[in-house]
């Protein structure tokens, strides 16, 4: 049996959540290591790029949340084998990642600036990305963005 360990911060959601969900739904046992954010400075030098998530497979490490999610998706059957379907999946994941990055960039802003930038995101960026995602979903039949079956 392979050994899997996913390391991320101590909260649900975020960049590790797609891999965490695919591991659970796919029935793969894994160690779910969660580092409390206030303790991050004590741990970050242990990680190659001083960032999370990291995924360990039998002593080998993989970083970057989308690479981890794709790998886990391939292991569990949640990632399409067809090249076009995989590209559609990648496009959706990367679009959501672009959207998330714009929000994450506001986390460390002073409160007044954060409020203004987030109001702008709600007024312009989020509707643009969400309407684009909706259009992509409808073009693929309205149920799944790609690969219209589950494993």
Protein backbone atom coordinates (compact mmCIF):
# COMPACT_ATOMS: atom_id res chain seq x y z
CA UNK A 1 0.00 0.00 0.00
CA UNK A 2 1.27 3.46 -0.92
CA UNK A 3 1.84 6.06 1.76
CA UNK A 4 0.27 9.47 1.19
CA UNK A 5 0.64 12.60 3.29
CA UNK A 6 -0.99 15.95 2.49
CA UNK A 7 0.31 18.94 4.45
CA UNK A 8 -1.58 22.23 4.54
CA UNK A 9 -2.84 24.80 6.99
CA UNK A 10 -5.27 23.95 9.76
CA UNK A 11 -8.56 24.87 8.11
CA UNK A 12 -11.00 23.37 5.65
CA UNK A 13 -11.02 24.77 2.16
CA UNK A 14 -8.17 26.56 0.48
CA UNK A 15 -5.72 25.26 -2.04
CA UNK A 16 -5.42 21.73 -0.61
CA UNK A 17 -9.15 21.06 -0.46
CA UNK A 18 -9.60 19.66 -4.00
CA UNK A 19 -6.88 17.05 -3.38
CA UNK A 20 -8.18 16.33 0.13
CA UNK A 21 -11.70 15.74 -1.22
CA UNK A 22 -10.51 13.57 -4.12
CA UNK A 23 -8.42 11.46 -1.73
CA UNK A 24 -11.40 10.94 0.57
CA UNK A 25 -13.95 10.35 -2.20
CA UNK A 26 -11.51 8.05 -4.00
CA UNK A 27 -11.06 5.95 -0.88
CA UNK A 28 -7.31 6.54 -0.58
CA UNK A 29 -5.99 6.58 2.96
CA UNK A 30 -3.70 9.50 3.70
CA UNK A 31 -2.19 11.41 6.56
CA UNK A 32 -3.87 14.83 6.72
CA UNK A 33 -1.27 17.08 8.35
CA UNK A 34 -2.62 20.50 9.30
CA UNK A 35 -0.33 23.27 10.50
CA UNK A 36 -1.92 26.06 12.56
CA UNK A 37 -1.34 29.38 10.79
CA UNK A 38 0.10 31.06 13.93
CA UNK A 39 2.75 28.30 14.05
CA UNK A 40 3.69 28.48 10.34
CA UNK A 41 6.94 30.40 10.94
CA UNK A 42 8.20 27.46 13.03
CA UNK A 43 7.62 25.01 10.16
CA UNK A 44 8.13 26.83 6.87
CA UNK A 45 11.88 26.18 6.61
CA UNK A 46 11.09 22.44 6.45
CA UNK A 47 9.38 22.92 3.08
CA UNK A 48 11.25 23.25 -0.19
CA UNK A 49 9.55 26.45 -1.35
CA UNK A 50 8.42 27.59 2.08
CA UNK A 51 4.83 27.27 1.02
CA UNK A 52 1.98 24.80 1.23
CA UNK A 53 0.41 22.50 0.24
CA UNK A 54 2.91 19.72 -0.16
CA UNK A 55 2.03 16.12 -0.92
CA UNK A 56 4.23 13.18 -0.02
CA UNK A 57 3.99 9.87 -1.88
CA UNK A 58 6.22 7.13 -0.52
CA UNK A 59 8.90 9.60 0.60
CA UNK A 60 8.77 11.72 -2.57
CA UNK A 61 7.38 15.26 -2.45
CA UNK A 62 5.15 17.17 -4.83
CA UNK A 63 4.27 20.83 -4.46
CA UNK A 64 1.78 23.16 -6.19
CA UNK A 65 -1.87 22.64 -5.40
CA UNK A 66 -3.04 22.13 -8.99
CA UNK A 67 -0.30 19.57 -9.73
CA UNK A 68 -1.26 17.73 -6.53
CA UNK A 69 -4.95 17.82 -7.42
CA UNK A 70 -4.28 16.51 -10.95
CA UNK A 71 -2.10 13.70 -9.64
CA UNK A 72 -4.67 12.67 -7.04
CA UNK A 73 -7.39 12.97 -9.67
CA UNK A 74 -5.48 10.57 -11.91
CA UNK A 75 -5.01 8.11 -9.05
CA UNK A 76 -8.69 8.18 -8.09
CA UNK A 77 -10.24 8.36 -11.55
CA UNK A 78 -11.51 11.91 -11.04
CA UNK A 79 -9.28 13.35 -13.76
CA UNK A 80 -10.22 12.73 -17.40
CA UNK A 81 -8.09 10.44 -19.54
CA UNK A 82 -9.21 12.10 -22.79
CA UNK A 83 -6.78 14.95 -23.65
CA UNK A 84 -9.57 17.42 -24.56
CA UNK A 85 -11.55 16.63 -21.42
CA UNK A 86 -8.36 17.00 -19.34
CA UNK A 87 -7.66 20.36 -20.98
CA UNK A 88 -11.20 21.52 -20.15
CA UNK A 89 -10.66 20.43 -16.57
CA UNK A 90 -7.32 22.27 -16.41
CA UNK A 91 -8.88 25.44 -17.84
CA UNK A 92 -11.59 25.47 -15.19
CA UNK A 93 -9.13 24.78 -12.37
CA UNK A 94 -6.79 27.51 -13.60
CA UNK A 95 -9.67 29.99 -13.95
CA UNK A 96 -10.79 29.31 -10.39
CA UNK A 97 -7.16 29.66 -9.28
CA UNK A 98 -6.88 33.04 -11.02
CA UNK A 99 -10.01 34.16 -9.22
CA UNK A 100 -8.79 32.91 -5.85
CA UNK A 101 -5.43 34.62 -6.28
CA UNK A 102 -7.12 37.99 -6.69
CA UNK A 103 -8.95 37.48 -3.41
CA UNK A 104 -5.90 36.11 -1.57
CA UNK A 105 -3.90 39.16 -2.66
CA UNK A 106 -6.23 41.27 -0.49
CA UNK A 107 -5.55 39.34 2.75
CA UNK A 108 -2.61 41.48 3.85
CA UNK A 109 -3.90 44.85 2.64
CA UNK A 110 -4.81 47.60 5.09
CA UNK A 111 -8.53 47.48 5.89
CA UNK A 112 -9.61 50.49 3.80
CA UNK A 113 -7.69 49.30 0.73
CA UNK A 114 -8.91 45.72 1.25
CA UNK A 115 -12.52 46.89 1.37
CA UNK A 116 -12.18 48.95 -1.82
CA UNK A 117 -10.39 46.19 -3.75
CA UNK A 118 -12.90 43.56 -2.63
CA UNK A 119 -15.83 45.79 -3.62
CA UNK A 120 -14.24 46.13 -7.05
CA UNK A 121 -13.78 42.36 -7.26
CA UNK A 122 -17.45 41.81 -6.42
CA UNK A 123 -18.56 44.42 -8.95
CA UNK A 124 -16.37 43.40 -11.89
CA UNK A 125 -14.00 40.44 -11.61
CA UNK A 126 -16.20 37.88 -9.88
CA UNK A 127 -19.19 38.38 -12.21
CA UNK A 128 -16.85 38.12 -15.22
CA UNK A 129 -15.25 34.87 -14.05
CA UNK A 130 -18.49 33.35 -12.77
CA UNK A 131 -20.39 34.13 -15.97
CA UNK A 132 -17.51 32.65 -17.99
CA UNK A 133 -17.54 29.51 -15.86
CA UNK A 134 -21.31 29.27 -16.26
CA UNK A 135 -20.98 29.60 -20.04
CA UNK A 136 -18.33 26.86 -20.08
CA UNK A 137 -20.58 24.61 -18.00
CA UNK A 138 -23.55 25.18 -20.30
CA UNK A 139 -21.42 24.47 -23.39
CA UNK A 140 -20.58 21.07 -21.89
CA UNK A 141 -24.20 20.14 -21.21
CA UNK A 142 -24.86 21.96 -17.96
CA UNK A 143 -23.99 19.20 -15.47
CA UNK A 144 -20.19 18.81 -15.53
CA UNK A 145 -17.39 20.96 -16.92
CA UNK A 146 -15.71 17.87 -18.36
CA UNK A 147 -15.89 14.08 -18.33
CA UNK A 148 -19.64 13.65 -17.71
CA UNK A 149 -19.39 10.60 -15.49
CA UNK A 150 -18.02 9.74 -12.09
CA UNK A 151 -15.51 6.96 -11.44
